[in-house]
């Protein structure tokens, strides 16, 4: 059996979401789902010209960050995962 221990989402070279299942952290801040037995989370991301908003588990955990534009990484979306097992 294989599990994902860490995921990361980059948009145009900017890290906008990083979830570490080993330490229950989203972008370095503690987060635990209301369902303690859950092995996953649901997140919605809204991106506009100046900001990025992330809503985790229907808004239980949310944050807004400034959108930084990197001219070398335009129109790029990357998803990274670290598997264990």
C-alpha atoms as a PDB file:
ATOM      1  CA  UNK A   1       0.000   0.000   0.000  1.00  0.00           C
ATOM      2  CA  UNK A   2       1.259   3.489  -0.837  1.00  0.00           C
ATOM      3  CA  UNK A   3       0.376   6.791   0.848  1.00  0.00           C
ATOM      4  CA  UNK A   4       1.110  10.376  -0.100  1.00  0.00           C
ATOM      5  CA  UNK A   5       2.815  12.130   2.818  1.00  0.00           C
ATOM      6  CA  UNK A   6       3.300  15.584   1.287  1.00  0.00           C
ATOM      7  CA  UNK A   7       1.703  17.481  -1.581  1.00  0.00           C
ATOM      8  CA  UNK A   8       2.606  20.854  -3.050  1.00  0.00           C
ATOM      9  CA  UNK A   9       0.912  23.001  -5.676  1.00  0.00           C
ATOM     10  CA  UNK A  10       2.834  25.694  -7.562  1.00  0.00           C
ATOM     11  CA  UNK A  11       1.305  28.306  -9.844  1.00  0.00           C
ATOM     12  CA  UNK A  12       3.705  30.268 -12.046  1.00  0.00           C
ATOM     13  CA  UNK A  13       6.625  29.260  -9.803  1.00  0.00           C
ATOM     14  CA  UNK A  14       4.898  30.350  -6.562  1.00  0.00           C
ATOM     15  CA  UNK A  15       4.077  27.735  -3.912  1.00  0.00           C
ATOM     16  CA  UNK A  16       0.415  28.298  -3.070  1.00  0.00           C
ATOM     17  CA  UNK A  17      -0.421  25.119  -1.177  1.00  0.00           C
ATOM     18  CA  UNK A  18       1.741  22.662   0.762  1.00  0.00           C
ATOM     19  CA  UNK A  19       0.210  19.924   2.906  1.00  0.00           C
ATOM     20  CA  UNK A  20       2.356  17.739   5.147  1.00  0.00           C
ATOM     21  CA  UNK A  21       0.365  14.756   6.399  1.00  0.00           C
ATOM     22  CA  UNK A  22       3.143  13.632   8.771  1.00  0.00           C
ATOM     23  CA  UNK A  23       2.909  16.824  10.847  1.00  0.00           C
ATOM     24  CA  UNK A  24      -0.684  17.884   9.944  1.00  0.00           C
ATOM     25  CA  UNK A  25       0.464  21.184   8.495  1.00  0.00           C
ATOM     26  CA  UNK A  26      -0.760  23.401   5.688  1.00  0.00           C
ATOM     27  CA  UNK A  27       1.917  25.909   4.665  1.00  0.00           C
ATOM     28  CA  UNK A  28       3.646  25.337   8.009  1.00  0.00           C
ATOM     29  CA  UNK A  29       0.522  25.906  10.149  1.00  0.00           C
ATOM     30  CA  UNK A  30      -1.191  23.132  12.080  1.00  0.00           C
ATOM     31  CA  UNK A  31      -4.422  21.786  10.567  1.00  0.00           C
ATOM     32  CA  UNK A  32      -6.440  18.716  11.472  1.00  0.00           C
ATOM     33  CA  UNK A  33      -9.618  17.712   9.693  1.00  0.00           C
ATOM     34  CA  UNK A  34     -12.794  17.438  11.751  1.00  0.00           C
ATOM     35  CA  UNK A  35     -12.851  13.776  10.676  1.00  0.00           C
ATOM     36  CA  UNK A  36      -9.777  12.442  12.509  1.00  0.00           C
ATOM     37  CA  UNK A  37      -9.814   9.201  10.495  1.00  0.00           C
ATOM     38  CA  UNK A  38      -9.752  11.010   7.142  1.00  0.00           C
ATOM     39  CA  UNK A  39      -6.747  10.410   4.909  1.00  0.00           C
ATOM     40  CA  UNK A  40      -7.471  13.395   2.690  1.00  0.00           C
ATOM     41  CA  UNK A  41      -8.578  16.990   2.466  1.00  0.00           C
ATOM     42  CA  UNK A  42     -10.573  18.990  -0.046  1.00  0.00           C
ATOM     43  CA  UNK A  43      -9.393  22.424  -1.106  1.00  0.00           C
ATOM     44  CA  UNK A  44     -10.767  25.098  -3.430  1.00  0.00           C
ATOM     45  CA  UNK A  45      -8.443  27.691  -4.918  1.00  0.00           C
ATOM     46  CA  UNK A  46      -9.475  31.030  -6.416  1.00  0.00           C
ATOM     47  CA  UNK A  47      -6.808  32.857  -8.414  1.00  0.00           C
ATOM     48  CA  UNK A  48      -7.194  36.383  -9.747  1.00  0.00           C
ATOM     49  CA  UNK A  49      -4.708  38.992 -10.975  1.00  0.00           C
ATOM     50  CA  UNK A  50      -3.487  40.117  -7.555  1.00  0.00           C
ATOM     51  CA  UNK A  51      -4.338  37.426  -4.992  1.00  0.00           C
ATOM     52  CA  UNK A  52      -4.839  33.719  -4.358  1.00  0.00           C
ATOM     53  CA  UNK A  53      -7.466  32.434  -1.911  1.00  0.00           C
ATOM     54  CA  UNK A  54      -7.442  28.871  -0.618  1.00  0.00           C
ATOM     55  CA  UNK A  55     -10.402  27.280   1.185  1.00  0.00           C
ATOM     56  CA  UNK A  56      -9.713  23.936   2.884  1.00  0.00           C
ATOM     57  CA  UNK A  57     -12.544  21.542   3.799  1.00  0.00           C
ATOM     58  CA  UNK A  58     -15.307  23.988   2.875  1.00  0.00           C
ATOM     59  CA  UNK A  59     -13.673  27.001   4.526  1.00  0.00           C
ATOM     60  CA  UNK A  60     -12.782  25.452   7.892  1.00  0.00           C
ATOM     61  CA  UNK A  61      -9.215  26.619   7.182  1.00  0.00           C
ATOM     62  CA  UNK A  62      -8.660  29.467   4.723  1.00  0.00           C
ATOM     63  CA  UNK A  63      -5.999  31.941   3.720  1.00  0.00           C
ATOM     64  CA  UNK A  64      -5.238  34.620   1.153  1.00  0.00           C
ATOM     65  CA  UNK A  65      -1.804  35.341  -0.301  1.00  0.00           C
ATOM     66  CA  UNK A  66      -0.443  37.876  -2.736  1.00  0.00           C
ATOM     67  CA  UNK A  67      -0.038  36.547  -6.255  1.00  0.00           C
ATOM     68  CA  UNK A  68       3.544  36.960  -7.427  1.00  0.00           C
ATOM     69  CA  UNK A  69       4.049  36.863 -11.168  1.00  0.00           C
ATOM     70  CA  UNK A  70       7.252  35.274 -12.454  1.00  0.00           C
ATOM     71  CA  UNK A  71       7.693  36.097 -16.144  1.00  0.00           C
ATOM     72  CA  UNK A  72       9.810  32.951 -16.639  1.00  0.00           C
ATOM     73  CA  UNK A  73       7.074  30.614 -15.349  1.00  0.00           C
ATOM     74  CA  UNK A  74       3.931  32.095 -16.897  1.00  0.00           C
ATOM     75  CA  UNK A  75       0.916  29.808 -17.404  1.00  0.00           C
ATOM     76  CA  UNK A  76       2.449  27.018 -15.360  1.00  0.00           C
ATOM     77  CA  UNK A  77       0.680  24.756 -12.891  1.00  0.00           C
ATOM     78  CA  UNK A  78       2.696  22.036 -11.132  1.00  0.00           C
ATOM     79  CA  UNK A  79       1.585  19.426  -8.632  1.00  0.00           C
ATOM     80  CA  UNK A  80       4.200  17.580  -6.548  1.00  0.00           C
ATOM     81  CA  UNK A  81       3.730  14.615  -4.256  1.00  0.00           C
ATOM     82  CA  UNK A  82       5.926  12.579  -1.949  1.00  0.00           C
ATOM     83  CA  UNK A  83       4.844   8.961  -1.651  1.00  0.00           C
ATOM     84  CA  UNK A  84       5.769   6.569   1.141  1.00  0.00           C
ATOM     85  CA  UNK A  85       5.206   2.847   1.441  1.00  0.00           C
END
